[in-house]
């Protein structure tokens, strides 16, 4: 039996005329919404999305990271949100990482702007379902930066206030992930 629908989810879906029985599924207590309904909510809400910005990519490794910004409302009532979408072999089984990264980024921005972020996940974030449970990653990530390095990167990310600072943080995170991966490679 599906768990009871959170009143916030119910209210937002009702506001945009979306039937939760068609748009959502309960995967062992986690509500998941289909991408096509997220886009429909975005259109009905009047959300405007800027063109996606490629943050990083590697075609050979089927990896892409994309940032999307969007807004809802007019003039002094306008609210902005931004988010990243990423697709790599560890969190994506599809052969089209750019499309997956874009869908994830758009979905996350739309969910933030309509108040559903943290209440539902999208089907684009689900990599697989094994034994009836959502798998968020395809394979365990073995190489990670040290705890000290993670703390420094997290603090830099928290204090970033401009896109240039966020870009610098993204470059530092990529560099840390790559150097950690290099340390774990067999000689």
Protein backbone atom coordinates (compact mmCIF):
# COMPACT_ATOMS: atom_id res chain seq x y z
CA UNK A 1 0.00 0.00 0.00
CA UNK A 2 1.31 3.43 -0.93
CA UNK A 3 2.04 5.84 1.88
CA UNK A 4 -0.24 8.81 2.34
CA UNK A 5 0.46 11.68 0.01
CA UNK A 6 2.14 14.65 1.71
CA UNK A 7 -0.36 17.58 1.81
CA UNK A 8 2.26 19.87 0.22
CA UNK A 9 2.58 17.52 -2.77
CA UNK A 10 -1.18 17.23 -2.98
CA UNK A 11 -1.67 21.01 -2.92
CA UNK A 12 0.98 21.76 -5.56
CA UNK A 13 -0.24 19.05 -7.95
CA UNK A 14 -3.83 20.22 -7.47
CA UNK A 15 -2.82 23.84 -8.18
CA UNK A 16 -1.54 22.77 -11.61
CA UNK A 17 -4.29 20.24 -12.36
CA UNK A 18 -2.03 17.18 -12.13
CA UNK A 19 -3.52 13.85 -11.05
CA UNK A 20 -1.13 12.33 -8.47
CA UNK A 21 -2.26 8.81 -9.44
CA UNK A 22 -0.85 9.39 -12.93
CA UNK A 23 2.15 11.59 -12.13
CA UNK A 24 3.59 9.89 -9.03
CA UNK A 25 4.61 6.49 -7.79
CA UNK A 26 5.59 5.42 -4.33
CA UNK A 27 8.84 3.50 -4.32
CA UNK A 28 8.98 2.12 -0.79
CA UNK A 29 8.13 5.41 0.86
CA UNK A 30 9.82 7.76 -1.60
CA UNK A 31 7.52 9.69 -3.92
CA UNK A 32 8.81 9.82 -7.49
CA UNK A 33 7.30 12.07 -10.18
CA UNK A 34 7.60 11.45 -13.91
CA UNK A 35 9.65 13.98 -15.89
CA UNK A 36 6.83 14.77 -18.34
CA UNK A 37 4.67 15.97 -15.43
CA UNK A 38 7.48 18.13 -14.05
CA UNK A 39 7.74 19.84 -17.45
CA UNK A 40 3.94 20.22 -17.57
CA UNK A 41 3.94 21.81 -14.11
CA UNK A 42 6.72 24.16 -15.27
CA UNK A 43 4.71 25.23 -18.31
CA UNK A 44 1.49 25.72 -16.33
CA UNK A 45 3.35 27.69 -13.63
CA UNK A 46 4.88 30.00 -16.23
CA UNK A 47 8.43 29.09 -15.29
CA UNK A 48 11.04 30.49 -17.63
CA UNK A 49 14.27 28.53 -17.95
CA UNK A 50 17.46 30.03 -19.33
CA UNK A 51 19.37 27.96 -21.87
CA UNK A 52 21.37 25.24 -20.11
CA UNK A 53 25.01 26.00 -19.38
CA UNK A 54 27.49 23.16 -19.81
CA UNK A 55 29.71 23.10 -16.75
CA UNK A 56 31.80 20.08 -17.65
CA UNK A 57 31.74 17.16 -20.06
CA UNK A 58 33.73 14.25 -21.43
CA UNK A 59 32.14 12.61 -24.47
CA UNK A 60 34.44 9.58 -24.32
CA UNK A 61 33.52 8.87 -20.70
CA UNK A 62 29.82 9.70 -21.25
CA UNK A 63 29.86 12.41 -18.59
CA UNK A 64 28.08 15.76 -18.56
CA UNK A 65 27.32 18.39 -15.92
CA UNK A 66 24.87 21.13 -16.80
CA UNK A 67 23.56 24.13 -14.87
CA UNK A 68 20.10 25.59 -15.45
CA UNK A 69 18.64 28.79 -14.04
CA UNK A 70 14.96 29.62 -14.04
CA UNK A 71 12.42 32.00 -12.61
CA UNK A 72 8.75 32.26 -11.78
CA UNK A 73 6.72 35.41 -11.33
CA UNK A 74 6.99 38.94 -12.69
CA UNK A 75 9.05 42.02 -11.84
CA UNK A 76 9.46 42.53 -8.08
CA UNK A 77 7.66 39.21 -7.40
CA UNK A 78 10.14 37.21 -9.53
CA UNK A 79 11.85 34.31 -7.78
CA UNK A 80 14.99 32.71 -9.24
CA UNK A 81 16.46 29.26 -8.72
CA UNK A 82 19.34 27.34 -10.23
CA UNK A 83 20.56 23.78 -10.07
CA UNK A 84 22.95 21.31 -11.62
CA UNK A 85 22.18 18.14 -13.48
CA UNK A 86 24.85 15.55 -13.89
CA UNK A 87 25.12 12.29 -15.75
CA UNK A 88 28.05 9.90 -15.57
CA UNK A 89 28.46 6.14 -15.63
CA UNK A 90 28.06 5.98 -11.84
CA UNK A 91 24.56 7.54 -11.92
CA UNK A 92 23.29 7.00 -15.46
CA UNK A 93 22.81 3.86 -17.53
CA UNK A 94 21.66 5.72 -20.67
CA UNK A 95 23.84 6.49 -23.68
CA UNK A 96 22.86 10.17 -23.75
CA UNK A 97 24.49 11.99 -20.82
CA UNK A 98 23.77 15.53 -22.04
CA UNK A 99 20.02 14.92 -22.33
CA UNK A 100 19.94 13.23 -18.91
CA UNK A 101 21.95 16.01 -17.27
CA UNK A 102 19.68 18.64 -18.84
CA UNK A 103 16.50 16.85 -17.72
CA UNK A 104 17.82 16.51 -14.19
CA UNK A 105 18.82 20.17 -13.98
CA UNK A 106 15.50 21.41 -15.41
CA UNK A 107 13.48 19.13 -13.14
CA UNK A 108 15.37 20.28 -10.06
CA UNK A 109 14.86 23.97 -10.89
CA UNK A 110 11.15 23.50 -11.57
CA UNK A 111 10.66 21.51 -8.36
CA UNK A 112 12.44 24.25 -6.38
CA UNK A 113 10.33 27.02 -7.88
CA UNK A 114 6.96 25.33 -7.26
CA UNK A 115 7.86 24.16 -3.75
CA UNK A 116 8.28 20.43 -4.34
CA UNK A 117 12.06 20.15 -3.87
CA UNK A 118 12.72 17.72 -1.04
CA UNK A 119 9.19 16.33 -1.21
CA UNK A 120 9.53 14.31 -4.42
CA UNK A 121 12.29 13.04 -6.68
CA UNK A 122 11.99 12.70 -10.42
CA UNK A 123 12.24 9.52 -12.39
CA UNK A 124 15.29 11.06 -14.09
CA UNK A 125 17.20 10.84 -10.79
CA UNK A 126 16.47 7.14 -10.38
CA UNK A 127 19.24 5.07 -11.96
CA UNK A 128 17.67 1.68 -11.39
CA UNK A 129 15.39 -0.29 -9.16
CA UNK A 130 16.86 -3.39 -7.54
CA UNK A 131 14.90 -5.64 -5.23
CA UNK A 132 12.12 -3.04 -5.26
CA UNK A 133 14.38 -0.27 -3.93
CA UNK A 134 15.56 2.86 -5.71
CA UNK A 135 19.23 2.83 -6.71
CA UNK A 136 20.60 6.39 -6.93
CA UNK A 137 24.01 5.27 -8.21
CA UNK A 138 24.82 2.58 -10.77
CA UNK A 139 28.08 1.51 -9.13
CA UNK A 140 29.63 2.45 -5.82
CA UNK A 141 32.03 5.36 -6.05
CA UNK A 142 35.38 4.16 -4.77
CA UNK A 143 37.58 7.22 -5.21
CA UNK A 144 36.73 10.23 -3.07
CA UNK A 145 38.73 13.18 -1.79
CA UNK A 146 39.93 12.99 1.82
CA UNK A 147 37.65 14.25 4.60
CA UNK A 148 39.81 17.38 5.08
CA UNK A 149 39.72 18.11 1.37
CA UNK A 150 35.94 17.52 1.28
CA UNK A 151 35.47 19.95 4.18
CA UNK A 152 37.54 22.65 2.42
CA UNK A 153 35.61 22.14 -0.83
CA UNK A 154 32.26 22.25 1.00
CA UNK A 155 33.20 25.49 2.79
CA UNK A 156 34.30 27.11 -0.49
CA UNK A 157 31.02 26.04 -2.11
CA UNK A 158 28.96 27.40 0.81
CA UNK A 159 30.70 30.76 0.68
CA UNK A 160 30.48 31.14 -3.13
CA UNK A 161 28.20 34.03 -4.04
CA UNK A 162 28.82 34.54 -7.75
CA UNK A 163 28.76 32.32 -10.82
CA UNK A 164 32.51 32.80 -11.21
CA UNK A 165 33.06 31.55 -7.65
CA UNK A 166 30.73 28.59 -8.31
CA UNK A 167 32.66 27.80 -11.50
CA UNK A 168 35.91 27.87 -9.54
CA UNK A 169 34.40 25.54 -6.91
CA UNK A 170 33.21 23.14 -9.64
CA UNK A 171 36.73 23.08 -11.13
CA UNK A 172 38.25 22.40 -7.68
CA UNK A 173 35.76 19.58 -7.04
CA UNK A 174 36.48 17.99 -10.43
CA UNK A 175 40.20 18.27 -9.79
CA UNK A 176 39.85 16.69 -6.32
CA UNK A 177 37.73 13.84 -7.69
CA UNK A 178 40.25 13.18 -10.46
CA UNK A 179 43.25 13.25 -8.15
CA UNK A 180 41.49 10.86 -5.74
CA UNK A 181 40.69 8.53 -8.64
CA UNK A 182 44.33 8.64 -9.80
CA UNK A 183 45.49 7.61 -6.31
CA UNK A 184 43.27 4.51 -6.46
CA UNK A 185 44.40 3.34 -9.90
CA UNK A 186 46.51 0.19 -9.94
CA UNK A 187 50.14 0.82 -10.82
